[in-house]
N, C-alpha and C. Protein backbone atom coordinates (compact mmCIF):
# COMPACT_ATOMS: atom_id res chain seq x y z
N MET A 1 32.28 78.89 119.10
CA MET A 1 31.42 79.90 119.71
C MET A 1 31.54 81.18 118.92
N THR A 2 30.45 81.72 118.46
CA THR A 2 30.46 82.96 117.70
C THR A 2 29.44 83.92 118.27
N VAL A 3 29.71 85.18 118.08
CA VAL A 3 28.74 86.21 118.45
C VAL A 3 27.67 86.24 117.39
N ASN A 4 26.42 86.40 117.77
CA ASN A 4 25.33 86.40 116.80
C ASN A 4 25.50 87.54 115.80
N ARG A 5 25.23 87.25 114.56
CA ARG A 5 25.34 88.26 113.50
C ARG A 5 23.94 88.61 112.99
N ARG A 6 23.68 89.90 112.86
CA ARG A 6 22.39 90.33 112.32
C ARG A 6 22.41 90.17 110.81
N PRO A 7 21.48 89.41 110.21
CA PRO A 7 21.54 89.14 108.77
C PRO A 7 21.32 90.38 107.91
N THR A 8 20.70 91.43 108.40
CA THR A 8 20.42 92.59 107.59
C THR A 8 21.62 93.50 107.43
N GLY A 9 22.62 93.35 108.32
CA GLY A 9 23.75 94.25 108.31
C GLY A 9 23.45 95.57 109.00
N LYS A 10 22.24 95.79 109.47
CA LYS A 10 21.89 96.98 110.21
C LYS A 10 22.12 96.71 111.69
N HIS A 11 23.06 97.43 112.25
CA HIS A 11 23.53 97.06 113.58
C HIS A 11 22.96 97.93 114.70
N HIS A 12 22.27 98.99 114.35
CA HIS A 12 21.91 99.95 115.39
C HIS A 12 20.99 99.35 116.45
N GLY A 13 20.25 98.31 116.09
CA GLY A 13 19.39 97.68 117.08
C GLY A 13 20.14 96.66 117.93
N ASP A 14 21.39 96.35 117.55
CA ASP A 14 22.17 95.36 118.27
C ASP A 14 23.62 95.81 118.26
N LEU A 15 23.84 97.02 118.73
CA LEU A 15 25.14 97.67 118.61
C LEU A 15 26.24 96.89 119.33
N ARG A 16 25.95 96.44 120.53
CA ARG A 16 26.97 95.73 121.30
C ARG A 16 27.47 94.49 120.54
N ASN A 17 26.52 93.70 120.05
CA ASN A 17 26.89 92.49 119.33
C ASN A 17 27.64 92.82 118.04
N ALA A 18 27.21 93.88 117.34
CA ALA A 18 27.88 94.27 116.10
C ALA A 18 29.33 94.64 116.35
N LEU A 19 29.60 95.35 117.42
CA LEU A 19 30.97 95.75 117.75
C LEU A 19 31.80 94.54 118.17
N GLU A 20 31.20 93.63 118.92
CA GLU A 20 31.92 92.43 119.31
C GLU A 20 32.27 91.57 118.10
N GLN A 21 31.33 91.45 117.17
CA GLN A 21 31.56 90.68 115.96
C GLN A 21 32.68 91.31 115.13
N ALA A 22 32.66 92.62 115.04
CA ALA A 22 33.70 93.32 114.28
C ALA A 22 35.06 93.14 114.94
N ALA A 23 35.10 93.24 116.26
CA ALA A 23 36.37 93.08 116.98
C ALA A 23 36.91 91.66 116.83
N LEU A 24 36.03 90.67 116.89
CA LEU A 24 36.47 89.29 116.69
C LEU A 24 37.11 89.11 115.31
N ALA A 25 36.49 89.67 114.30
CA ALA A 25 37.03 89.55 112.95
C ALA A 25 38.39 90.23 112.84
N LEU A 26 38.53 91.39 113.47
CA LEU A 26 39.81 92.11 113.42
C LEU A 26 40.89 91.36 114.18
N VAL A 27 40.54 90.77 115.32
CA VAL A 27 41.52 89.98 116.08
C VAL A 27 41.95 88.77 115.27
N ALA A 28 41.01 88.14 114.59
CA ALA A 28 41.35 86.98 113.76
C ALA A 28 42.34 87.36 112.66
N GLU A 29 42.22 88.58 112.15
CA GLU A 29 43.09 89.03 111.07
C GLU A 29 44.43 89.55 111.58
N ARG A 30 44.41 90.26 112.72
CA ARG A 30 45.60 91.03 113.12
C ARG A 30 46.10 90.74 114.53
N GLY A 31 45.38 89.93 115.28
CA GLY A 31 45.75 89.71 116.67
C GLY A 31 45.07 90.71 117.59
N PRO A 32 45.14 90.48 118.90
CA PRO A 32 44.38 91.33 119.85
C PRO A 32 44.93 92.74 120.01
N HIS A 33 46.14 93.02 119.50
CA HIS A 33 46.70 94.37 119.63
C HIS A 33 46.72 95.12 118.31
N GLY A 34 46.15 94.53 117.27
CA GLY A 34 46.35 95.07 115.94
C GLY A 34 45.23 95.91 115.39
N PHE A 35 44.38 96.47 116.23
CA PHE A 35 43.30 97.30 115.71
C PHE A 35 42.90 98.35 116.74
N THR A 36 42.19 99.35 116.29
CA THR A 36 41.70 100.41 117.17
C THR A 36 40.19 100.29 117.31
N LEU A 37 39.67 100.98 118.29
CA LEU A 37 38.21 100.99 118.47
C LEU A 37 37.53 101.65 117.27
N ALA A 38 38.19 102.65 116.71
CA ALA A 38 37.62 103.32 115.53
C ALA A 38 37.52 102.33 114.36
N GLU A 39 38.52 101.45 114.21
CA GLU A 39 38.46 100.44 113.14
C GLU A 39 37.32 99.46 113.38
N ALA A 40 37.10 99.10 114.64
CA ALA A 40 35.98 98.21 114.95
C ALA A 40 34.66 98.88 114.59
N CYS A 41 34.57 100.18 114.82
CA CYS A 41 33.36 100.92 114.46
C CYS A 41 33.14 100.90 112.94
N ARG A 42 34.21 101.15 112.20
CA ARG A 42 34.08 101.15 110.74
C ARG A 42 33.67 99.76 110.24
N ARG A 43 34.29 98.73 110.83
CA ARG A 43 33.95 97.36 110.41
C ARG A 43 32.49 97.05 110.72
N ALA A 44 31.99 97.58 111.85
CA ALA A 44 30.60 97.33 112.24
C ALA A 44 29.63 98.24 111.49
N GLY A 45 30.14 99.28 110.85
CA GLY A 45 29.28 100.19 110.11
C GLY A 45 28.55 101.18 110.99
N VAL A 46 29.23 101.60 112.07
CA VAL A 46 28.61 102.57 112.98
C VAL A 46 29.57 103.74 113.18
N SER A 47 29.07 104.81 113.75
CA SER A 47 29.90 105.99 113.97
C SER A 47 30.93 105.72 115.06
N VAL A 48 32.01 106.50 115.04
CA VAL A 48 33.08 106.28 116.02
C VAL A 48 32.64 106.62 117.44
N SER A 49 31.56 107.35 117.58
CA SER A 49 31.06 107.67 118.92
C SER A 49 30.12 106.60 119.47
N ALA A 50 29.69 105.71 118.59
CA ALA A 50 28.68 104.72 118.97
C ALA A 50 29.11 103.78 120.10
N PRO A 51 30.35 103.27 120.13
CA PRO A 51 30.68 102.24 121.12
C PRO A 51 30.63 102.72 122.56
N TYR A 52 30.72 104.01 122.78
CA TYR A 52 30.79 104.50 124.16
C TYR A 52 29.48 104.34 124.90
N LYS A 53 28.44 103.94 124.19
CA LYS A 53 27.19 103.58 124.86
C LYS A 53 27.35 102.26 125.62
N HIS A 54 28.31 101.45 125.19
CA HIS A 54 28.51 100.12 125.79
C HIS A 54 29.92 99.90 126.33
N PHE A 55 30.93 100.50 125.68
CA PHE A 55 32.31 100.22 126.04
C PHE A 55 33.09 101.52 126.22
N ALA A 56 33.78 101.62 127.35
CA ALA A 56 34.53 102.84 127.64
C ALA A 56 35.71 103.00 126.70
N ASP A 57 36.31 101.88 126.29
CA ASP A 57 37.47 101.93 125.40
C ASP A 57 37.66 100.54 124.76
N ARG A 58 38.73 100.41 124.00
CA ARG A 58 38.97 99.15 123.30
C ARG A 58 39.15 97.99 124.27
N ASP A 59 39.84 98.22 125.40
CA ASP A 59 40.04 97.15 126.36
C ASP A 59 38.72 96.66 126.94
N ALA A 60 37.77 97.56 127.13
CA ALA A 60 36.47 97.15 127.64
C ALA A 60 35.76 96.25 126.63
N LEU A 61 35.92 96.58 125.35
CA LEU A 61 35.35 95.72 124.30
C LEU A 61 36.02 94.35 124.31
N LEU A 62 37.34 94.32 124.41
CA LEU A 62 38.06 93.05 124.46
C LEU A 62 37.71 92.27 125.73
N ALA A 63 37.53 92.96 126.84
CA ALA A 63 37.18 92.29 128.10
C ALA A 63 35.83 91.60 127.99
N SER A 64 34.89 92.23 127.29
CA SER A 64 33.59 91.61 127.07
C SER A 64 33.74 90.32 126.29
N LEU A 65 34.61 90.33 125.28
CA LEU A 65 34.86 89.12 124.49
C LEU A 65 35.64 88.08 125.29
N ALA A 66 36.57 88.53 126.11
CA ALA A 66 37.33 87.59 126.94
C ALA A 66 36.38 86.85 127.89
N LEU A 67 35.39 87.57 128.41
CA LEU A 67 34.41 86.92 129.28
C LEU A 67 33.66 85.83 128.52
N LYS A 68 33.31 86.12 127.28
CA LYS A 68 32.66 85.10 126.45
C LYS A 68 33.61 83.93 126.23
N GLY A 69 34.90 84.22 126.10
CA GLY A 69 35.88 83.16 125.96
C GLY A 69 35.93 82.25 127.17
N TYR A 70 35.91 82.83 128.35
CA TYR A 70 35.89 82.04 129.57
C TYR A 70 34.61 81.20 129.67
N GLU A 71 33.50 81.81 129.30
CA GLU A 71 32.23 81.08 129.36
C GLU A 71 32.21 79.91 128.39
N GLU A 72 32.79 80.12 127.21
CA GLU A 72 32.86 79.04 126.22
C GLU A 72 33.78 77.92 126.71
N GLN A 73 34.90 78.30 127.32
CA GLN A 73 35.78 77.28 127.90
C GLN A 73 35.06 76.47 128.97
N GLN A 74 34.36 77.15 129.84
CA GLN A 74 33.65 76.45 130.91
C GLN A 74 32.66 75.45 130.33
N ARG A 75 31.94 75.86 129.29
CA ARG A 75 30.99 74.96 128.65
C ARG A 75 31.70 73.75 128.05
N ARG A 76 32.78 74.01 127.34
CA ARG A 76 33.51 72.92 126.68
C ARG A 76 34.15 71.97 127.70
N TYR A 77 34.72 72.51 128.75
CA TYR A 77 35.40 71.66 129.71
C TYR A 77 34.40 70.84 130.52
N ARG A 78 33.24 71.43 130.78
CA ARG A 78 32.20 70.66 131.46
C ARG A 78 31.75 69.49 130.60
N ALA A 79 31.57 69.74 129.31
CA ALA A 79 31.18 68.67 128.39
C ALA A 79 32.27 67.62 128.28
N ALA A 80 33.53 68.04 128.26
CA ALA A 80 34.64 67.09 128.13
C ALA A 80 34.74 66.19 129.35
N THR A 81 34.64 66.76 130.53
CA THR A 81 34.78 65.95 131.75
C THR A 81 33.55 65.09 132.00
N ALA A 82 32.45 65.42 131.34
CA ALA A 82 31.23 64.61 131.50
C ALA A 82 31.28 63.32 130.69
N THR A 83 32.31 63.17 129.86
CA THR A 83 32.39 61.98 129.00
C THR A 83 32.88 60.74 129.76
N SER A 84 33.32 60.92 131.00
CA SER A 84 33.83 59.79 131.79
C SER A 84 33.60 60.06 133.26
N THR A 85 33.61 58.98 134.05
CA THR A 85 33.54 59.13 135.50
C THR A 85 34.91 58.90 136.13
N ASP A 86 35.89 58.53 135.32
CA ASP A 86 37.26 58.31 135.82
C ASP A 86 37.99 59.65 135.82
N PRO A 87 38.52 60.11 136.96
CA PRO A 87 39.10 61.45 137.02
C PRO A 87 40.32 61.63 136.12
N ALA A 88 41.14 60.58 135.96
CA ALA A 88 42.29 60.69 135.06
C ALA A 88 41.81 60.91 133.62
N GLU A 89 40.79 60.16 133.22
CA GLU A 89 40.24 60.34 131.87
C GLU A 89 39.60 61.72 131.72
N GLN A 90 39.00 62.20 132.79
CA GLN A 90 38.39 63.53 132.73
C GLN A 90 39.44 64.61 132.52
N LEU A 91 40.57 64.50 133.22
CA LEU A 91 41.63 65.50 133.06
C LEU A 91 42.27 65.41 131.68
N ALA A 92 42.41 64.20 131.16
CA ALA A 92 42.94 64.04 129.81
C ALA A 92 41.97 64.65 128.79
N ALA A 93 40.69 64.45 129.00
CA ALA A 93 39.68 65.03 128.10
C ALA A 93 39.69 66.55 128.19
N TYR A 94 39.90 67.08 129.39
CA TYR A 94 40.02 68.53 129.57
C TYR A 94 41.22 69.07 128.78
N ALA A 95 42.37 68.38 128.86
CA ALA A 95 43.56 68.84 128.14
C ALA A 95 43.31 68.87 126.64
N ALA A 96 42.67 67.83 126.12
CA ALA A 96 42.36 67.80 124.69
C ALA A 96 41.37 68.91 124.32
N ALA A 97 40.40 69.16 125.19
CA ALA A 97 39.41 70.21 124.93
C ALA A 97 40.06 71.60 124.95
N TYR A 98 41.07 71.76 125.77
CA TYR A 98 41.81 73.03 125.83
C TYR A 98 42.43 73.32 124.47
N VAL A 99 43.12 72.32 123.91
CA VAL A 99 43.75 72.47 122.61
C VAL A 99 42.70 72.74 121.53
N ARG A 100 41.59 72.04 121.62
CA ARG A 100 40.52 72.19 120.63
C ARG A 100 39.93 73.60 120.68
N PHE A 101 39.71 74.12 121.87
CA PHE A 101 39.19 75.48 122.02
C PHE A 101 40.16 76.48 121.38
N ALA A 102 41.45 76.33 121.67
CA ALA A 102 42.44 77.26 121.14
C ALA A 102 42.46 77.26 119.62
N ALA A 103 42.26 76.09 119.02
CA ALA A 103 42.30 75.98 117.57
C ALA A 103 41.00 76.43 116.91
N GLN A 104 39.89 76.06 117.50
CA GLN A 104 38.59 76.34 116.88
C GLN A 104 38.09 77.74 117.17
N GLU A 105 38.55 78.33 118.26
CA GLU A 105 38.12 79.67 118.64
C GLU A 105 39.35 80.54 118.87
N ARG A 106 40.18 80.62 117.84
CA ARG A 106 41.49 81.27 118.03
C ARG A 106 41.36 82.72 118.46
N ALA A 107 40.43 83.46 117.86
CA ALA A 107 40.30 84.86 118.24
C ALA A 107 39.94 85.00 119.71
N LEU A 108 39.00 84.20 120.18
CA LEU A 108 38.63 84.24 121.60
C LEU A 108 39.80 83.80 122.48
N PHE A 109 40.52 82.77 122.05
CA PHE A 109 41.69 82.31 122.80
C PHE A 109 42.72 83.44 122.91
N ASP A 110 43.01 84.10 121.79
CA ASP A 110 44.00 85.17 121.80
C ASP A 110 43.56 86.33 122.69
N ILE A 111 42.29 86.67 122.62
CA ILE A 111 41.79 87.76 123.46
C ILE A 111 41.88 87.39 124.94
N THR A 112 41.47 86.16 125.25
CA THR A 112 41.43 85.73 126.64
C THR A 112 42.82 85.66 127.26
N PHE A 113 43.80 85.19 126.50
CA PHE A 113 45.11 84.90 127.08
C PHE A 113 46.24 85.80 126.61
N LEU A 114 46.07 86.50 125.49
CA LEU A 114 47.20 87.24 124.93
C LEU A 114 46.95 88.74 124.82
N ALA A 115 45.79 89.21 125.21
CA ALA A 115 45.48 90.63 125.05
C ALA A 115 46.07 91.49 126.17
N GLY A 116 46.54 90.87 127.24
CA GLY A 116 47.13 91.63 128.34
C GLY A 116 46.13 92.46 129.12
N LEU A 117 44.90 91.98 129.22
CA LEU A 117 43.86 92.74 129.92
C LEU A 117 44.13 92.76 131.42
N ASP A 118 43.89 93.89 132.02
CA ASP A 118 44.12 94.10 133.45
C ASP A 118 42.94 93.53 134.24
N LYS A 119 43.17 92.42 134.94
CA LYS A 119 42.09 91.79 135.70
C LYS A 119 41.77 92.57 136.97
N GLY A 120 42.65 93.48 137.35
CA GLY A 120 42.30 94.36 138.45
C GLY A 120 41.24 95.37 138.05
N ARG A 121 41.32 95.78 136.80
CA ARG A 121 40.32 96.71 136.28
C ARG A 121 39.06 95.98 135.86
N HIS A 122 39.24 94.78 135.30
CA HIS A 122 38.10 93.99 134.81
C HIS A 122 37.95 92.77 135.73
N GLU A 123 37.37 93.01 136.88
CA GLU A 123 37.30 91.96 137.90
C GLU A 123 36.44 90.78 137.46
N GLU A 124 35.54 91.00 136.51
CA GLU A 124 34.71 89.90 136.03
C GLU A 124 35.56 88.82 135.37
N LEU A 125 36.70 89.20 134.82
CA LEU A 125 37.59 88.22 134.20
C LEU A 125 38.28 87.37 135.27
N ALA A 126 38.67 87.99 136.36
CA ALA A 126 39.26 87.23 137.46
C ALA A 126 38.25 86.24 138.03
N ARG A 127 37.00 86.67 138.14
CA ARG A 127 35.97 85.77 138.66
C ARG A 127 35.72 84.62 137.69
N ALA A 128 35.75 84.92 136.39
CA ALA A 128 35.52 83.87 135.39
C ALA A 128 36.66 82.85 135.40
N GLY A 129 37.89 83.33 135.55
CA GLY A 129 39.02 82.42 135.64
C GLY A 129 38.94 81.56 136.88
N ALA A 130 38.52 82.16 138.00
CA ALA A 130 38.36 81.40 139.24
C ALA A 130 37.27 80.34 139.10
N ALA A 131 36.22 80.65 138.34
CA ALA A 131 35.14 79.68 138.13
C ALA A 131 35.66 78.46 137.37
N LEU A 132 36.54 78.68 136.39
CA LEU A 132 37.14 77.55 135.68
C LEU A 132 37.95 76.69 136.64
N HIS A 133 38.72 77.35 137.47
CA HIS A 133 39.53 76.65 138.47
C HIS A 133 38.64 75.84 139.41
N ASP A 134 37.59 76.47 139.89
CA ASP A 134 36.69 75.79 140.83
C ASP A 134 36.00 74.59 140.18
N GLN A 135 35.78 74.67 138.88
CA GLN A 135 35.14 73.58 138.16
C GLN A 135 36.07 72.38 138.03
N LEU A 136 37.38 72.63 137.83
CA LEU A 136 38.32 71.56 137.52
C LEU A 136 39.09 71.02 138.73
N LEU A 137 39.26 71.84 139.76
CA LEU A 137 40.05 71.39 140.90
C LEU A 137 39.47 70.14 141.57
N PRO A 138 38.16 70.02 141.75
CA PRO A 138 37.63 68.78 142.34
C PRO A 138 37.98 67.53 141.54
N VAL A 139 38.09 67.67 140.23
CA VAL A 139 38.47 66.52 139.41
C VAL A 139 39.91 66.13 139.72
N ALA A 140 40.78 67.13 139.82
CA ALA A 140 42.18 66.84 140.16
C ALA A 140 42.29 66.25 141.56
N ARG A 141 41.45 66.71 142.48
CA ARG A 141 41.51 66.18 143.85
C ARG A 141 40.98 64.76 143.93
N ALA A 142 40.23 64.34 142.95
CA ALA A 142 39.81 62.94 142.90
C ALA A 142 40.98 62.04 142.51
N VAL A 143 42.01 62.63 141.90
CA VAL A 143 43.23 61.89 141.57
C VAL A 143 44.20 61.93 142.74
N VAL A 144 44.46 63.12 143.26
CA VAL A 144 45.33 63.30 144.43
C VAL A 144 44.58 64.17 145.43
N PRO A 145 44.11 63.60 146.52
CA PRO A 145 43.24 64.33 147.44
C PRO A 145 43.86 65.58 148.06
N ASP A 146 45.18 65.58 148.26
CA ASP A 146 45.82 66.75 148.84
C ASP A 146 45.59 67.96 147.95
N ARG A 147 45.09 69.04 148.51
CA ARG A 147 44.69 70.19 147.70
C ARG A 147 45.86 70.80 146.96
N GLU A 148 47.00 70.98 147.63
CA GLU A 148 48.14 71.60 146.97
C GLU A 148 48.69 70.72 145.86
N ALA A 149 48.72 69.41 146.09
CA ALA A 149 49.19 68.50 145.06
C ALA A 149 48.23 68.50 143.87
N ALA A 150 46.94 68.56 144.15
CA ALA A 150 45.95 68.60 143.08
C ALA A 150 46.05 69.89 142.28
N LEU A 151 46.27 70.99 142.98
CA LEU A 151 46.43 72.27 142.30
C LEU A 151 47.67 72.25 141.41
N ASP A 152 48.75 71.69 141.93
CA ASP A 152 49.98 71.57 141.14
C ASP A 152 49.73 70.74 139.88
N LEU A 153 49.01 69.66 140.03
CA LEU A 153 48.70 68.80 138.89
C LEU A 153 47.88 69.54 137.86
N LEU A 154 46.85 70.24 138.30
CA LEU A 154 45.99 70.97 137.38
C LEU A 154 46.76 72.05 136.63
N ILE A 155 47.63 72.75 137.34
CA ILE A 155 48.42 73.81 136.70
C ILE A 155 49.34 73.21 135.65
N ARG A 156 49.97 72.09 135.95
CA ARG A 156 50.90 71.49 134.99
C ARG A 156 50.18 70.95 133.76
N ILE A 157 49.01 70.35 133.96
CA ILE A 157 48.24 69.87 132.81
C ILE A 157 47.79 71.05 131.95
N SER A 158 47.33 72.11 132.60
CA SER A 158 46.87 73.30 131.86
C SER A 158 48.03 73.95 131.12
N ALA A 159 49.19 74.05 131.77
CA ALA A 159 50.35 74.67 131.14
C ALA A 159 50.81 73.87 129.93
N ALA A 160 50.79 72.55 130.04
CA ALA A 160 51.18 71.70 128.91
C ALA A 160 50.21 71.88 127.75
N ALA A 161 48.92 71.88 128.04
CA ALA A 161 47.92 72.07 126.99
C ALA A 161 48.05 73.44 126.34
N HIS A 162 48.32 74.45 127.17
CA HIS A 162 48.48 75.80 126.64
C HIS A 162 49.70 75.88 125.73
N GLY A 163 50.80 75.31 126.15
CA GLY A 163 52.01 75.32 125.33
C GLY A 163 51.82 74.58 124.02
N LEU A 164 51.18 73.44 124.07
CA LEU A 164 50.92 72.69 122.84
C LEU A 164 49.99 73.48 121.90
N SER A 165 49.03 74.19 122.48
CA SER A 165 48.14 75.02 121.67
C SER A 165 48.93 76.09 120.92
N LEU A 166 49.86 76.73 121.61
CA LEU A 166 50.67 77.76 120.96
C LEU A 166 51.61 77.16 119.92
N PHE A 167 52.18 75.99 120.23
CA PHE A 167 53.03 75.31 119.24
C PHE A 167 52.25 75.03 117.96
N LEU A 168 51.01 74.59 118.11
CA LEU A 168 50.19 74.30 116.94
C LEU A 168 49.90 75.58 116.16
N GLN A 169 49.54 76.64 116.87
CA GLN A 169 49.22 77.90 116.20
C GLN A 169 50.42 78.46 115.45
N GLN A 170 51.61 78.30 116.01
CA GLN A 170 52.80 78.93 115.45
C GLN A 170 53.62 77.99 114.56
N ASN A 171 53.01 76.85 114.20
CA ASN A 171 53.66 75.90 113.29
C ASN A 171 55.03 75.45 113.81
N MET A 172 55.09 75.13 115.09
CA MET A 172 56.35 74.75 115.72
C MET A 172 56.47 73.25 115.95
N LEU A 173 55.54 72.47 115.44
CA LEU A 173 55.54 71.04 115.66
C LEU A 173 56.05 70.29 114.43
N PRO A 174 56.67 69.12 114.64
CA PRO A 174 57.18 68.34 113.51
C PRO A 174 56.04 67.89 112.60
N ARG A 175 56.37 67.68 111.34
CA ARG A 175 55.39 67.18 110.39
C ARG A 175 54.85 65.83 110.86
N GLY A 176 53.55 65.67 110.75
CA GLY A 176 52.91 64.46 111.24
C GLY A 176 52.35 64.63 112.63
N ARG A 177 52.89 65.60 113.37
CA ARG A 177 52.37 65.92 114.71
C ARG A 177 51.76 67.31 114.77
N ASP A 178 51.53 67.88 113.62
CA ASP A 178 51.09 69.26 113.55
C ASP A 178 49.62 69.40 113.15
N THR A 179 48.83 68.35 113.35
CA THR A 179 47.39 68.44 113.11
C THR A 179 46.66 68.61 114.44
N LEU A 180 45.45 69.11 114.36
CA LEU A 180 44.68 69.30 115.59
C LEU A 180 44.47 67.97 116.30
N ALA A 181 44.13 66.92 115.57
CA ALA A 181 43.90 65.62 116.19
C ALA A 181 45.15 65.11 116.89
N ALA A 182 46.31 65.29 116.26
CA ALA A 182 47.56 64.82 116.85
C ALA A 182 47.89 65.60 118.11
N VAL A 183 47.63 66.90 118.11
CA VAL A 183 47.96 67.72 119.28
C VAL A 183 46.97 67.46 120.41
N GLU A 184 45.71 67.22 120.09
CA GLU A 184 44.76 66.82 121.12
C GLU A 184 45.23 65.54 121.80
N ASP A 185 45.65 64.57 120.99
CA ASP A 185 46.14 63.30 121.53
C ASP A 185 47.38 63.52 122.38
N GLN A 186 48.29 64.38 121.91
CA GLN A 186 49.50 64.68 122.69
C GLN A 186 49.14 65.30 124.03
N ALA A 187 48.19 66.21 124.03
CA ALA A 187 47.77 66.86 125.28
C ALA A 187 47.18 65.84 126.25
N ALA A 188 46.37 64.93 125.74
CA ALA A 188 45.77 63.91 126.60
C ALA A 188 46.84 62.98 127.16
N ARG A 189 47.78 62.55 126.30
CA ARG A 189 48.85 61.66 126.77
C ARG A 189 49.75 62.36 127.78
N THR A 190 50.00 63.63 127.58
CA THR A 190 50.79 64.40 128.54
C THR A 190 50.07 64.48 129.88
N ALA A 191 48.76 64.66 129.83
CA ALA A 191 47.98 64.70 131.08
C ALA A 191 48.11 63.39 131.84
N TYR A 192 47.99 62.27 131.13
CA TYR A 192 48.14 60.97 131.79
C TYR A 192 49.53 60.82 132.40
N ALA A 193 50.57 61.27 131.68
CA ALA A 193 51.94 61.15 132.19
C ALA A 193 52.12 62.00 133.45
N LEU A 194 51.56 63.19 133.45
CA LEU A 194 51.65 64.06 134.61
C LEU A 194 50.87 63.49 135.79
N ILE A 195 49.73 62.88 135.51
CA ILE A 195 48.95 62.24 136.56
C ILE A 195 49.74 61.10 137.19
N ASP A 196 50.35 60.26 136.36
CA ASP A 196 51.17 59.15 136.88
C ASP A 196 52.30 59.69 137.73
N GLN A 197 52.96 60.72 137.25
CA GLN A 197 54.08 61.30 137.99
C GLN A 197 53.61 61.87 139.32
N GLN A 198 52.48 62.59 139.31
CA GLN A 198 52.00 63.22 140.53
C GLN A 198 51.54 62.18 141.55
N THR A 199 50.86 61.15 141.09
CA THR A 199 50.39 60.13 142.03
C THR A 199 51.55 59.35 142.63
N GLN A 200 52.59 59.11 141.84
CA GLN A 200 53.76 58.42 142.37
C GLN A 200 54.47 59.29 143.40
N THR A 201 54.60 60.58 143.09
CA THR A 201 55.24 61.51 144.03
C THR A 201 54.43 61.62 145.32
N SER A 202 53.11 61.73 145.19
CA SER A 202 52.25 61.84 146.37
C SER A 202 52.32 60.57 147.20
N GLY A 203 52.41 59.42 146.53
CA GLY A 203 52.53 58.16 147.25
C GLY A 203 53.80 58.08 148.06
N ARG A 204 54.91 58.57 147.48
CA ARG A 204 56.17 58.57 148.21
C ARG A 204 56.10 59.49 149.41
N ARG A 205 55.44 60.62 149.24
CA ARG A 205 55.32 61.56 150.36
C ARG A 205 54.50 60.96 151.49
N ARG A 206 53.41 60.27 151.11
CA ARG A 206 52.57 59.68 152.16
C ARG A 206 53.30 58.55 152.88
N ALA A 207 54.26 57.90 152.17
CA ALA A 207 54.98 56.79 152.78
C ALA A 207 55.96 57.26 153.85
N GLY A 208 56.29 58.54 153.83
CA GLY A 208 57.18 59.04 154.87
C GLY A 208 58.61 59.13 154.40
N PRO A 209 59.47 59.82 155.16
CA PRO A 209 60.83 60.08 154.73
C PRO A 209 61.70 58.84 154.70
N GLY A 210 61.29 57.76 155.32
CA GLY A 210 62.11 56.56 155.36
C GLY A 210 62.08 55.76 154.08
N ARG A 211 61.11 56.05 153.19
CA ARG A 211 61.00 55.29 151.95
C ARG A 211 61.99 55.83 150.92
N GLN A 212 62.62 54.91 150.16
CA GLN A 212 63.59 55.33 149.16
C GLN A 212 62.89 56.12 148.07
N ARG A 213 63.53 57.20 147.63
CA ARG A 213 62.95 58.09 146.61
C ARG A 213 63.68 57.92 145.29
């Protein structure tokens, strides 16, 4: 997912997009904390006063990009879960798509999850995160109908995929397991393992306290 770029390099007719494009490039180079709003202006080729027509400060600019990150995730996860009607396969596909998003859209991933944006101030980000949750929780409940158990399952699958994404980014994986394809596969296999574990645990709970654990 990329922000549209004006081919002429003249940004005044599309100032918001020009600033977002510049910020994405700077985040890709330096991380979400490594640049100022003035640097984004210089990269976009506009005056330092220009962004205030659209963004109150640097965090507002990053929040706009984080929202695009959430929207791109929602699109990708919807496409991933649409590849099967089996809920376990859907969750495994979601885990693989999570890793793929983090690798292919690293700047957006870093902005969305590592910029430290205040969701109390930027409530649209909280709503976007809730929309992702609302999209995926029914899939988890098709595996384990109990809402709390399903939520626990979804959180654990997401946490595993997130951790694997960071391991890949930071070159923390053994040789042979450090490719995007290998990490996608690892995320999917981890999802299946967590699903098996959760369904077995839920089955024991439904059987009552008299069943051996």
